Amino acid sequence: MTVILDPTNERVPVTRQVTERSGAIRGTVAFLDISKPRGNVLIDQMQTLLAERLPDVEFKRYAKPTFTKPAPDALREEVREAADFVIEALAD
């Protein structure tokens, strides 16, 4: 049994069944750099750590043209088609 605390109402804990995991993670992870300063440094470190632990995962890198606006539709579509998972990295 797993107890999950709901941040909107912790007075009554919710009991839920946790889904079994296969133990293996496979697929493609897209790193999306939102183009803030040092975001690429964060992604470099994350990719290094994850690659050591997840040998069956392929990593792809993407970057927004600017952090001040949402990612362009074409970039979002490219990431969606190419990846099973997305990690968005911000830093300063």
N, C-alpha and C. Protein backbone atom coordinates (compact mmCIF):
# COMPACT_ATOMS: atom_id res chain seq x y z
N MET A 1 0.84 -1.18 0.00
CA MET A 1 0.00 0.00 0.00
C MET A 1 0.88 1.24 0.00
N THR A 2 0.52 2.19 -0.82
CA THR A 2 1.24 3.45 -0.91
C THR A 2 0.30 4.57 -0.51
N VAL A 3 0.78 5.45 0.34
CA VAL A 3 0.00 6.61 0.74
C VAL A 3 0.52 7.82 -0.04
N ILE A 4 -0.37 8.48 -0.74
CA ILE A 4 -0.02 9.67 -1.50
C ILE A 4 -0.73 10.84 -0.85
N LEU A 5 0.04 11.86 -0.49
CA LEU A 5 -0.56 13.04 0.11
C LEU A 5 -0.94 14.02 -0.98
N ASP A 6 -2.18 14.43 -0.96
CA ASP A 6 -2.69 15.38 -1.94
C ASP A 6 -2.45 16.79 -1.41
N PRO A 7 -1.70 17.62 -2.14
CA PRO A 7 -1.41 18.97 -1.64
C PRO A 7 -2.63 19.86 -1.51
N THR A 8 -3.75 19.45 -2.10
CA THR A 8 -4.96 20.26 -1.98
C THR A 8 -5.78 19.88 -0.76
N ASN A 9 -5.54 18.71 -0.19
CA ASN A 9 -6.30 18.29 0.99
C ASN A 9 -5.57 17.12 1.64
N GLU A 10 -4.66 17.39 2.55
CA GLU A 10 -3.87 16.34 3.20
C GLU A 10 -4.56 15.73 4.41
N ARG A 11 -5.75 16.17 4.72
CA ARG A 11 -6.44 15.62 5.88
C ARG A 11 -6.89 14.18 5.66
N VAL A 12 -7.13 13.83 4.40
CA VAL A 12 -7.58 12.47 4.09
C VAL A 12 -6.62 11.87 3.07
N PRO A 13 -5.63 11.05 3.52
CA PRO A 13 -4.69 10.44 2.56
C PRO A 13 -5.41 9.55 1.56
N VAL A 14 -4.91 9.55 0.34
CA VAL A 14 -5.48 8.74 -0.72
C VAL A 14 -4.63 7.47 -0.86
N THR A 15 -5.29 6.32 -0.94
CA THR A 15 -4.58 5.06 -1.15
C THR A 15 -4.72 4.68 -2.61
N ARG A 16 -3.56 4.41 -3.25
CA ARG A 16 -3.57 4.03 -4.65
C ARG A 16 -2.61 2.87 -4.87
N GLN A 17 -2.88 2.12 -5.91
CA GLN A 17 -2.00 1.03 -6.30
C GLN A 17 -0.91 1.57 -7.20
N VAL A 18 0.34 1.32 -6.87
CA VAL A 18 1.46 1.75 -7.70
C VAL A 18 1.64 0.73 -8.83
N THR A 19 1.76 1.20 -10.05
CA THR A 19 1.94 0.32 -11.20
C THR A 19 3.29 -0.37 -11.14
N GLU A 20 3.31 -1.66 -11.43
CA GLU A 20 4.57 -2.40 -11.46
C GLU A 20 5.47 -1.86 -12.55
N ARG A 21 6.75 -1.81 -12.28
CA ARG A 21 7.73 -1.34 -13.25
C ARG A 21 8.53 -2.53 -13.76
N SER A 22 8.90 -2.47 -15.01
CA SER A 22 9.64 -3.57 -15.62
C SER A 22 11.10 -3.59 -15.17
N GLY A 23 11.56 -2.46 -14.67
CA GLY A 23 12.96 -2.37 -14.27
C GLY A 23 13.85 -1.88 -15.38
N ALA A 24 13.33 -1.81 -16.60
CA ALA A 24 14.13 -1.36 -17.73
C ALA A 24 13.49 -0.12 -18.34
N ILE A 25 14.31 0.86 -18.63
CA ILE A 25 13.83 2.06 -19.32
C ILE A 25 14.49 2.08 -20.68
N ARG A 26 13.65 2.14 -21.72
CA ARG A 26 14.15 2.15 -23.10
C ARG A 26 13.44 3.25 -23.86
N GLY A 27 14.06 3.69 -24.92
CA GLY A 27 13.42 4.69 -25.76
C GLY A 27 14.33 5.88 -25.99
N THR A 28 13.71 6.99 -26.31
CA THR A 28 14.45 8.20 -26.63
C THR A 28 14.02 9.32 -25.68
N VAL A 29 15.01 9.98 -25.11
CA VAL A 29 14.77 11.13 -24.24
C VAL A 29 15.21 12.38 -25.00
N ALA A 30 14.33 13.36 -25.07
CA ALA A 30 14.66 14.65 -25.66
C ALA A 30 14.97 15.62 -24.53
N PHE A 31 16.10 16.28 -24.60
CA PHE A 31 16.42 17.36 -23.69
C PHE A 31 16.06 18.66 -24.41
N LEU A 32 15.21 19.45 -23.80
CA LEU A 32 14.82 20.73 -24.38
C LEU A 32 15.44 21.85 -23.56
N ASP A 33 16.41 22.50 -24.14
CA ASP A 33 17.07 23.65 -23.52
C ASP A 33 16.23 24.87 -23.84
N ILE A 34 15.74 25.57 -22.81
CA ILE A 34 14.88 26.72 -23.09
C ILE A 34 15.70 27.98 -23.40
N SER A 35 17.01 27.85 -23.46
CA SER A 35 17.93 28.93 -23.85
C SER A 35 18.17 29.98 -22.77
N LYS A 36 18.02 29.55 -21.52
CA LYS A 36 18.45 30.44 -20.44
C LYS A 36 19.94 30.18 -20.21
N PRO A 37 20.65 31.14 -19.65
CA PRO A 37 22.08 30.95 -19.42
C PRO A 37 22.36 29.70 -18.59
N ARG A 38 23.34 28.93 -19.01
CA ARG A 38 23.83 27.72 -18.36
C ARG A 38 22.88 26.53 -18.43
N GLY A 39 21.78 26.65 -19.16
CA GLY A 39 20.89 25.52 -19.34
C GLY A 39 21.61 24.36 -20.01
N ASN A 40 22.49 24.68 -20.95
CA ASN A 40 23.25 23.63 -21.64
C ASN A 40 24.18 22.91 -20.68
N VAL A 41 24.70 23.61 -19.67
CA VAL A 41 25.57 22.98 -18.66
C VAL A 41 24.76 21.97 -17.84
N LEU A 42 23.56 22.36 -17.46
CA LEU A 42 22.68 21.46 -16.73
C LEU A 42 22.37 20.21 -17.56
N ILE A 43 22.03 20.42 -18.82
CA ILE A 43 21.71 19.29 -19.69
C ILE A 43 22.93 18.39 -19.88
N ASP A 44 24.11 18.95 -20.05
CA ASP A 44 25.33 18.14 -20.17
C ASP A 44 25.47 17.21 -18.98
N GLN A 45 25.30 17.75 -17.78
CA GLN A 45 25.45 16.96 -16.56
C GLN A 45 24.36 15.88 -16.47
N MET A 46 23.13 16.27 -16.76
CA MET A 46 22.03 15.30 -16.69
C MET A 46 22.23 14.18 -17.70
N GLN A 47 22.64 14.53 -18.91
CA GLN A 47 22.84 13.52 -19.94
C GLN A 47 23.94 12.55 -19.53
N THR A 48 25.03 13.07 -18.99
CA THR A 48 26.13 12.21 -18.55
C THR A 48 25.65 11.23 -17.48
N LEU A 49 24.94 11.74 -16.47
CA LEU A 49 24.47 10.88 -15.38
C LEU A 49 23.45 9.85 -15.87
N LEU A 50 22.51 10.29 -16.70
CA LEU A 50 21.49 9.35 -17.18
C LEU A 50 22.08 8.32 -18.13
N ALA A 51 23.01 8.70 -18.97
CA ALA A 51 23.61 7.76 -19.92
C ALA A 51 24.35 6.65 -19.18
N GLU A 52 24.96 6.97 -18.06
CA GLU A 52 25.64 5.94 -17.25
C GLU A 52 24.66 4.93 -16.69
N ARG A 53 23.47 5.39 -16.32
CA ARG A 53 22.48 4.53 -15.66
C ARG A 53 21.49 3.88 -16.63
N LEU A 54 21.36 4.47 -17.81
CA LEU A 54 20.33 4.00 -18.75
C LEU A 54 20.96 3.70 -20.11
N PRO A 55 21.65 2.58 -20.23
CA PRO A 55 22.35 2.29 -21.48
C PRO A 55 21.44 2.04 -22.68
N ASP A 56 20.17 1.72 -22.44
CA ASP A 56 19.25 1.45 -23.55
C ASP A 56 18.47 2.68 -23.99
N VAL A 57 18.88 3.85 -23.52
CA VAL A 57 18.18 5.08 -23.86
C VAL A 57 19.02 5.92 -24.81
N GLU A 58 18.36 6.45 -25.83
CA GLU A 58 19.01 7.37 -26.77
C GLU A 58 18.65 8.79 -26.34
N PHE A 59 19.59 9.70 -26.45
CA PHE A 59 19.37 11.08 -26.05
C PHE A 59 19.46 12.00 -27.26
N LYS A 60 18.53 12.94 -27.33
CA LYS A 60 18.55 13.95 -28.39
C LYS A 60 18.44 15.32 -27.73
N ARG A 61 19.08 16.31 -28.34
CA ARG A 61 19.10 17.65 -27.78
C ARG A 61 18.37 18.63 -28.69
N TYR A 62 17.59 19.50 -28.06
CA TYR A 62 16.86 20.54 -28.77
C TYR A 62 16.98 21.83 -27.97
N ALA A 63 16.80 22.96 -28.63
CA ALA A 63 16.85 24.24 -27.94
C ALA A 63 15.82 25.19 -28.52
N LYS A 64 15.15 25.90 -27.63
CA LYS A 64 14.25 26.97 -28.07
C LYS A 64 15.09 28.14 -28.56
N PRO A 65 14.57 28.93 -29.50
CA PRO A 65 15.33 30.09 -29.97
C PRO A 65 15.51 31.15 -28.88
N THR A 66 14.53 31.25 -27.97
CA THR A 66 14.60 32.22 -26.88
C THR A 66 13.76 31.72 -25.71
N PHE A 67 14.18 32.07 -24.50
CA PHE A 67 13.41 31.64 -23.33
C PHE A 67 12.19 32.53 -23.08
N THR A 68 12.10 33.65 -23.78
CA THR A 68 11.03 34.60 -23.52
C THR A 68 9.71 34.26 -24.21
N LYS A 69 9.73 33.26 -25.09
CA LYS A 69 8.52 32.88 -25.82
C LYS A 69 8.36 31.37 -25.79
N PRO A 70 7.15 30.87 -25.97
CA PRO A 70 6.94 29.43 -26.06
C PRO A 70 7.73 28.83 -27.24
N ALA A 71 8.00 27.56 -27.15
CA ALA A 71 8.68 26.86 -28.25
C ALA A 71 7.82 26.95 -29.50
N PRO A 72 8.45 27.19 -30.64
CA PRO A 72 7.68 27.23 -31.89
C PRO A 72 6.98 25.89 -32.16
N ASP A 73 5.85 25.97 -32.84
CA ASP A 73 5.08 24.76 -33.13
C ASP A 73 5.92 23.70 -33.83
N ALA A 74 6.74 24.11 -34.77
CA ALA A 74 7.56 23.15 -35.53
C ALA A 74 8.53 22.41 -34.60
N LEU A 75 9.11 23.12 -33.64
CA LEU A 75 10.03 22.48 -32.69
C LEU A 75 9.29 21.52 -31.79
N ARG A 76 8.14 21.92 -31.30
CA ARG A 76 7.35 21.02 -30.43
C ARG A 76 6.96 19.75 -31.18
N GLU A 77 6.58 19.91 -32.45
CA GLU A 77 6.20 18.75 -33.26
C GLU A 77 7.40 17.82 -33.49
N GLU A 78 8.56 18.41 -33.77
CA GLU A 78 9.77 17.62 -33.98
C GLU A 78 10.13 16.81 -32.74
N VAL A 79 10.05 17.44 -31.58
CA VAL A 79 10.35 16.75 -30.32
C VAL A 79 9.32 15.65 -30.07
N ARG A 80 8.05 15.96 -30.29
CA ARG A 80 6.99 14.98 -30.06
C ARG A 80 7.17 13.73 -30.92
N GLU A 81 7.56 13.93 -32.17
CA GLU A 81 7.74 12.80 -33.08
C GLU A 81 8.99 11.99 -32.78
N ALA A 82 10.02 12.63 -32.23
CA ALA A 82 11.32 11.98 -32.07
C ALA A 82 11.53 11.33 -30.70
N ALA A 83 10.74 11.69 -29.71
CA ALA A 83 11.07 11.26 -28.35
C ALA A 83 9.91 10.60 -27.63
N ASP A 84 10.27 9.71 -26.71
CA ASP A 84 9.29 9.07 -25.83
C ASP A 84 9.13 9.86 -24.53
N PHE A 85 10.19 10.57 -24.15
CA PHE A 85 10.22 11.35 -22.91
C PHE A 85 10.86 12.70 -23.21
N VAL A 86 10.49 13.72 -22.43
CA VAL A 86 11.10 15.04 -22.60
C VAL A 86 11.54 15.55 -21.23
N ILE A 87 12.74 16.08 -21.17
CA ILE A 87 13.24 16.77 -19.98
C ILE A 87 13.53 18.19 -20.41
N GLU A 88 12.83 19.13 -19.78
CA GLU A 88 13.01 20.54 -20.11
C GLU A 88 13.95 21.14 -19.07
N ALA A 89 15.00 21.80 -19.54
CA ALA A 89 16.02 22.30 -18.63
C ALA A 89 16.05 23.80 -18.60
N LEU A 90 15.96 24.33 -17.39
CA LEU A 90 16.16 25.76 -17.20
C LEU A 90 17.31 25.94 -16.23
N ALA A 91 17.95 27.04 -16.31
CA ALA A 91 19.03 27.35 -15.39
C ALA A 91 19.28 28.85 -15.42
N ASP A 92 20.09 29.32 -14.54
CA ASP A 92 20.54 30.70 -14.49
C ASP A 92 21.78 30.74 -13.63
